[in-house]
Amino acid sequence: MRADDWHLTHDVDGFLDRTGTFLHARPVRHIVTLSAFQKLREQEADASGAQTPATDTRVPVFGWVERAGEVGGTFYHLPSGGIGLTPLSPTRADALAARLAGLGHSLPYVSADRDTAAAFAKAWQRYAGVGAAVRVRLCLYRLGELTPPRPLPAGRGRPVGEHHGDRGQLMDWCREFAADVEEDVTIDAGTWAGTRFARKRYTFWELPDGVPVSMAGVNPMLAGVAQVDPVYTPARFRGRGYAGAVTVEVSRAALAAGAESVVLFTNAANATSNALYQRLGYVRVTDCAVYDFTQPRPQP
């Protein structure tokens, strides 16, 4: 495959017009890409859409590869972040790495399913002359038959926003969650709207006395898929079943709202959370990985 078999653009709407059928055909596996483009379209709705050549590395660039008129894979690369890929063959991943390296793109990381991420990382090392190391391995789960834990812990689920002080509590817990997963983000009243934690529906699990002890968020539904993210319980409340209870609460609500699929990601290294979600009825779909790229040390 030639590197120029990849079609590049900066036009979000044009990209989705060409690739929408492909992305929506497997919305569970493509949920990260669909979510990224939904956010970009929302941002572009408030901005002027000046056209920019696809060789300009200062703006987002998107692309797709096709054969006989059929789209077979896509990517997105944001200037402030890395590259996100749908599943690709090693040949297509190699061709994409060659194309982007030839255009002078700089990539801090790649995020994709396990095999695609590994293939692209190997190719990017060769074409860009950088190092690569796995940052995290993830598991994508899809809800099968929801199985609430028995017995449920004392308390109830409550939508966030009903009580005074909910916003402050929510930001505190999102900040703690980000620190736990080593996510470099500033979360406060001034930055909240620009973080990935905004624009979600949140639920607290609260004790009978009204004290919140756990939370779960759900992204806006896309292509019939609702993604649970994040789920967080402060350390002092862990081990009592609250995370399972609040996950069941938001999963049931997503199904009631019309979701055809409910999904979530876990850290593959966290045996506790993986076992919990499987007990609740979540079934493993695929493994994913994020590789960080590092510049090589200069030779003396």
Protein backbone atom coordinates (compact mmCIF):
# COMPACT_ATOMS: atom_id res chain seq x y z
CA MET A 1 0.00 0.00 0.00
CA ARG A 2 1.24 3.48 -0.87
CA ALA A 3 1.36 6.26 1.71
CA ASP A 4 -0.73 8.50 -0.55
CA ASP A 5 -3.60 6.00 -0.49
CA TRP A 6 -4.58 7.81 2.71
CA HIS A 7 -6.91 10.77 2.14
CA LEU A 8 -6.29 13.73 4.49
CA THR A 9 -8.52 16.68 5.36
CA HIS A 10 -9.18 19.35 7.99
CA ASP A 11 -12.91 19.48 7.24
CA VAL A 12 -14.81 17.70 10.03
CA ASP A 13 -18.12 17.63 8.18
CA GLY A 14 -16.51 16.50 4.94
CA PHE A 15 -14.69 13.74 6.77
CA LEU A 16 -17.86 12.50 8.43
CA ASP A 17 -19.81 12.66 5.17
CA ARG A 18 -17.26 10.28 3.66
CA THR A 19 -16.68 8.01 6.66
CA GLY A 20 -19.94 8.18 8.60
CA THR A 21 -21.36 4.94 7.22
CA PHE A 22 -18.13 3.11 8.09
CA LEU A 23 -17.95 4.51 11.61
CA HIS A 24 -21.63 3.89 12.38
CA ALA A 25 -21.50 0.31 11.08
CA ARG A 26 -19.51 -0.70 14.20
CA PRO A 27 -20.31 2.04 16.71
CA VAL A 28 -19.11 0.11 19.77
CA ARG A 29 -15.59 -0.39 18.42
CA HIS A 30 -15.56 3.13 16.98
CA ILE A 31 -17.03 4.93 20.00
CA VAL A 32 -13.81 6.81 20.83
CA THR A 33 -13.57 8.19 17.29
CA LEU A 34 -17.27 9.06 17.17
CA SER A 35 -16.98 10.87 20.52
CA ALA A 36 -13.92 12.82 19.40
CA PHE A 37 -15.64 14.06 16.28
CA GLN A 38 -18.83 14.95 18.11
CA LYS A 39 -16.76 17.20 20.38
CA LEU A 40 -14.96 18.74 17.41
CA ARG A 41 -18.22 19.49 15.63
CA GLU A 42 -19.54 21.21 18.74
CA GLN A 43 -16.39 23.32 18.92
CA GLU A 44 -16.53 24.20 15.22
CA ALA A 45 -20.15 25.30 15.54
CA ASP A 46 -18.88 28.32 17.48
CA ALA A 47 -15.86 29.01 15.30
CA SER A 48 -15.30 30.27 11.76
CA GLY A 49 -14.42 27.44 9.42
CA ALA A 50 -11.44 28.76 7.51
CA GLN A 51 -10.08 26.20 5.07
CA THR A 52 -6.53 25.05 5.69
CA PRO A 53 -4.32 22.77 3.55
CA ALA A 54 -3.91 19.23 4.92
CA THR A 55 -0.14 19.73 5.10
CA ASP A 56 -0.49 22.32 7.89
CA THR A 57 0.45 20.55 11.15
CA ARG A 58 -0.88 23.31 13.43
CA VAL A 59 -4.53 22.30 13.06
CA PRO A 60 -6.45 19.04 13.43
CA VAL A 61 -6.05 16.59 10.57
CA PHE A 62 -8.28 13.63 9.81
CA GLY A 63 -8.02 10.87 7.27
CA TRP A 64 -9.38 7.69 5.82
CA VAL A 65 -8.17 4.86 3.60
CA GLU A 66 -10.37 3.12 1.09
CA ARG A 67 -10.30 0.33 -1.46
CA ALA A 68 -12.72 -0.01 -4.36
CA GLY A 69 -14.70 2.89 -2.92
CA GLU A 70 -15.09 1.28 0.52
CA VAL A 71 -13.65 3.04 3.58
CA GLY A 72 -11.46 0.64 5.53
CA GLY A 73 -10.05 2.74 8.35
CA THR A 74 -9.76 6.26 9.76
CA PHE A 75 -7.62 8.41 12.02
CA TYR A 76 -7.72 11.77 13.75
CA HIS A 77 -4.76 13.83 14.96
CA LEU A 78 -5.27 16.85 17.18
CA PRO A 79 -2.42 19.39 17.56
CA SER A 80 -2.63 19.25 21.36
CA GLY A 81 -2.82 15.45 21.47
CA GLY A 82 -1.85 12.25 19.77
CA ILE A 83 -3.40 10.17 17.04
CA GLY A 84 -6.49 8.00 17.40
CA LEU A 85 -7.00 5.09 14.99
CA THR A 86 -9.78 2.71 14.12
CA PRO A 87 -8.61 -0.90 13.63
CA LEU A 88 -6.07 -1.12 10.81
CA SER A 89 -4.02 -3.84 9.19
CA PRO A 90 -0.23 -3.59 9.72
CA THR A 91 0.13 -2.55 6.06
CA ARG A 92 -2.33 0.32 6.40
CA ALA A 93 -0.82 1.42 9.72
CA ASP A 94 2.62 1.47 8.11
CA ALA A 95 1.41 3.52 5.13
CA LEU A 96 -0.25 6.05 7.44
CA ALA A 97 2.90 6.43 9.55
CA ALA A 98 4.93 7.01 6.39
CA ARG A 99 2.46 9.65 5.14
CA LEU A 100 2.32 11.62 8.37
CA ALA A 101 6.07 11.45 8.97
CA GLY A 102 6.63 12.70 5.43
CA LEU A 103 4.39 15.69 6.15
CA GLY A 104 6.35 16.56 9.30
CA HIS A 105 3.72 15.70 11.90
CA SER A 106 4.82 15.30 15.51
CA LEU A 107 2.91 12.72 17.54
CA PRO A 108 3.12 12.46 21.33
CA TYR A 109 1.18 9.19 21.40
CA VAL A 110 -1.06 6.73 19.54
CA SER A 111 -4.31 5.27 20.88
CA ALA A 112 -6.03 2.32 19.21
CA ASP A 113 -6.92 -1.32 19.61
CA ARG A 114 -3.97 -3.37 20.82
CA ASP A 115 -2.76 -4.74 17.47
CA THR A 116 -3.24 -1.49 15.55
CA ALA A 117 -1.46 0.55 18.21
CA ALA A 118 1.48 -1.85 18.21
CA ALA A 119 1.75 -1.85 14.41
CA PHE A 120 1.58 1.93 14.16
CA ALA A 121 4.06 2.43 17.02
CA LYS A 122 6.54 0.11 15.30
CA ALA A 123 6.16 1.99 12.01
CA TRP A 124 6.34 5.43 13.63
CA GLN A 125 9.59 4.52 15.37
CA ARG A 126 11.07 3.66 12.00
CA TYR A 127 9.80 6.65 10.02
CA ALA A 128 10.02 9.36 12.70
CA GLY A 129 13.13 8.08 14.48
CA VAL A 130 11.56 8.15 17.93
CA GLY A 131 11.21 5.77 20.85
CA ALA A 132 7.94 4.17 21.90
CA ALA A 133 6.68 2.74 25.18
CA VAL A 134 3.30 1.45 26.34
CA ARG A 135 1.64 3.95 28.67
CA VAL A 136 -1.47 1.93 29.46
CA ARG A 137 -3.42 -1.07 28.25
CA LEU A 138 -7.22 -0.87 28.31
CA CYS A 139 -10.18 -3.21 27.93
CA LEU A 140 -13.39 -2.23 26.16
CA TYR A 141 -16.54 -3.82 27.63
CA ARG A 142 -20.11 -3.91 26.34
CA LEU A 143 -23.08 -4.57 28.60
CA GLY A 144 -24.75 -7.93 28.06
CA GLU A 145 -27.42 -8.81 30.63
CA LEU A 146 -27.33 -6.32 33.48
CA THR A 147 -26.83 -8.21 36.75
CA PRO A 148 -27.17 -6.00 39.86
CA PRO A 149 -25.14 -7.11 42.87
CA ARG A 150 -27.05 -8.83 45.65
CA PRO A 151 -27.48 -7.35 48.11
CA LEU A 152 -27.16 -3.76 46.97
CA PRO A 153 -25.42 -1.51 49.49
CA ALA A 154 -27.54 0.83 51.53
CA GLY A 155 -28.48 4.06 49.79
CA ARG A 156 -29.73 5.16 46.39
CA GLY A 157 -28.64 6.68 43.12
CA ARG A 158 -29.30 10.38 42.67
CA PRO A 159 -28.75 12.58 39.59
CA VAL A 160 -26.03 15.15 40.19
CA GLY A 161 -27.35 18.69 40.22
CA GLU A 162 -30.33 18.23 42.50
CA HIS A 163 -28.59 19.58 45.60
CA HIS A 164 -26.63 22.71 46.41
CA GLY A 165 -22.95 21.86 46.47
CA ASP A 166 -23.17 19.06 43.89
CA ARG A 167 -21.01 20.95 41.38
CA GLY A 168 -18.17 21.43 43.83
CA GLN A 169 -18.32 17.79 44.93
CA LEU A 170 -18.36 16.65 41.31
CA MET A 171 -15.31 18.71 40.35
CA ASP A 172 -13.43 17.51 43.43
CA TRP A 173 -14.06 13.87 42.55
CA CYS A 174 -13.25 14.33 38.86
CA ARG A 175 -9.98 15.96 39.94
CA GLU A 176 -9.22 13.02 42.23
CA PHE A 177 -10.12 10.52 39.51
CA ALA A 178 -7.82 12.27 37.02
CA ALA A 179 -4.98 12.14 39.56
CA ASP A 180 -5.59 8.43 40.17
CA VAL A 181 -5.30 7.61 36.46
CA GLU A 182 -2.38 10.05 36.01
CA GLU A 183 -4.31 12.28 33.63
CA ASP A 184 -2.67 15.69 33.25
CA VAL A 185 -5.63 18.05 33.45
CA THR A 186 -6.63 21.10 35.47
CA ILE A 187 -10.17 20.90 36.81
CA ASP A 188 -11.74 23.93 38.42
CA ALA A 189 -14.61 26.33 37.78
CA GLY A 190 -12.64 28.17 35.11
CA THR A 191 -11.46 25.14 33.14
CA TRP A 192 -14.35 22.71 33.64
CA ALA A 193 -16.17 23.45 30.37
CA GLY A 194 -13.06 22.64 28.33
CA THR A 195 -12.30 19.31 29.97
CA ARG A 196 -13.52 15.90 28.87
CA PHE A 197 -15.45 15.68 32.14
CA ALA A 198 -17.99 18.30 31.07
CA ARG A 199 -21.10 17.51 29.00
CA LYS A 200 -21.83 14.26 30.81
CA ARG A 201 -24.75 13.11 32.95
CA TYR A 202 -23.54 12.22 36.44
CA THR A 203 -25.10 10.18 39.21
CA PHE A 204 -24.05 9.97 42.85
CA TRP A 205 -24.62 6.93 45.03
CA GLU A 206 -25.55 8.38 48.38
CA LEU A 207 -26.10 6.83 51.78
CA PRO A 208 -29.48 6.98 53.54
CA ASP A 209 -28.24 10.08 55.41
CA GLY A 210 -27.58 11.82 52.08
CA VAL A 211 -23.77 11.56 52.04
CA PRO A 212 -22.42 10.90 48.50
CA VAL A 213 -19.97 7.99 48.43
CA SER A 214 -19.46 7.21 44.73
CA MET A 215 -20.18 8.62 41.28
CA ALA A 216 -20.53 7.58 37.66
CA GLY A 217 -20.82 9.64 34.49
CA VAL A 218 -22.28 8.83 31.08
CA ASN A 219 -21.38 10.49 27.80
CA PRO A 220 -24.11 11.75 25.46
CA MET A 221 -25.46 8.87 23.39
CA LEU A 222 -23.86 8.45 19.95
CA ALA A 223 -25.06 6.03 17.27
CA GLY A 224 -27.07 4.22 19.92
CA VAL A 225 -24.05 3.79 22.22
CA ALA A 226 -23.82 5.19 25.75
CA GLN A 227 -20.35 5.19 27.30
CA VAL A 228 -20.03 5.04 31.08
CA ASP A 229 -17.13 7.31 32.09
CA PRO A 230 -15.83 7.91 34.68
CA VAL A 231 -16.67 5.69 37.67
CA TYR A 232 -15.03 6.85 40.89
CA THR A 233 -15.20 6.05 44.59
CA PRO A 234 -12.95 7.91 47.05
CA ALA A 235 -10.47 5.60 48.78
CA ARG A 236 -12.19 5.91 52.16
CA PHE A 237 -15.43 4.48 50.75
CA ARG A 238 -14.02 1.65 48.64
CA GLY A 239 -14.68 -2.04 49.16
CA ARG A 240 -18.33 -1.61 50.11
CA GLY A 241 -20.04 -2.13 46.75
CA TYR A 242 -20.77 1.52 45.98
CA ALA A 243 -19.03 1.54 42.56
CA GLY A 244 -21.04 -1.46 41.44
CA ALA A 245 -24.27 0.07 42.66
CA VAL A 246 -23.77 3.39 40.90
CA THR A 247 -22.62 1.65 37.70
CA VAL A 248 -25.83 -0.40 37.68
CA GLU A 249 -27.82 2.79 38.24
CA VAL A 250 -26.35 4.65 35.24
CA SER A 251 -26.35 1.53 33.03
CA ARG A 252 -30.05 0.97 33.68
CA ALA A 253 -30.78 4.65 33.04
CA ALA A 254 -28.90 4.53 29.72
CA LEU A 255 -30.91 1.53 28.57
CA ALA A 256 -34.14 3.23 29.63
CA ALA A 257 -33.11 6.29 27.60
CA GLY A 258 -32.89 4.12 24.47
CA ALA A 259 -29.25 3.07 24.30
CA GLU A 260 -28.73 0.00 22.12
CA SER A 261 -25.32 -0.59 23.69
CA VAL A 262 -23.72 0.52 26.95
CA VAL A 263 -19.92 0.40 27.04
CA LEU A 264 -17.03 1.29 29.30
CA PHE A 265 -13.24 1.10 29.36
CA THR A 266 -11.10 -0.30 32.15
CA ASN A 267 -7.39 -0.36 32.87
CA ALA A 268 -6.32 -3.89 31.94
CA ALA A 269 -3.99 -3.95 34.95
CA ASN A 270 -6.82 -3.31 37.43
CA ALA A 271 -8.08 -6.80 38.23
CA THR A 272 -10.60 -5.49 40.75
CA SER A 273 -12.50 -3.24 38.34
CA ASN A 274 -12.37 -5.80 35.51
CA ALA A 275 -13.86 -8.47 37.76
CA LEU A 276 -16.52 -6.06 39.04
CA TYR A 277 -17.82 -5.08 35.60
CA GLN A 278 -17.92 -8.69 34.46
CA ARG A 279 -20.04 -9.57 37.50
CA LEU A 280 -22.42 -6.76 36.53
CA GLY A 281 -22.88 -8.27 33.06
CA TYR A 282 -20.28 -6.43 31.01
CA VAL A 283 -18.59 -8.54 28.32
CA ARG A 284 -15.09 -7.88 27.01
CA VAL A 285 -15.09 -6.65 23.39
CA THR A 286 -11.45 -5.87 22.63
CA ASP A 287 -8.14 -4.80 24.13
CA CYS A 288 -6.68 -1.35 23.48
CA ALA A 289 -3.34 0.35 24.12
CA VAL A 290 -1.75 3.78 24.27
CA TYR A 291 1.89 4.15 23.25
CA ASP A 292 3.85 7.27 24.13
CA PHE A 293 6.52 8.47 21.69
CA THR A 294 9.78 9.94 22.94
CA GLN A 295 12.47 11.81 21.05
CA PRO A 296 15.74 9.88 20.84
CA ARG A 297 18.71 11.19 22.78
CA PRO A 298 21.09 13.17 20.55
CA GLN A 299 24.22 11.29 19.61
CA PRO A 300 27.48 12.75 21.01
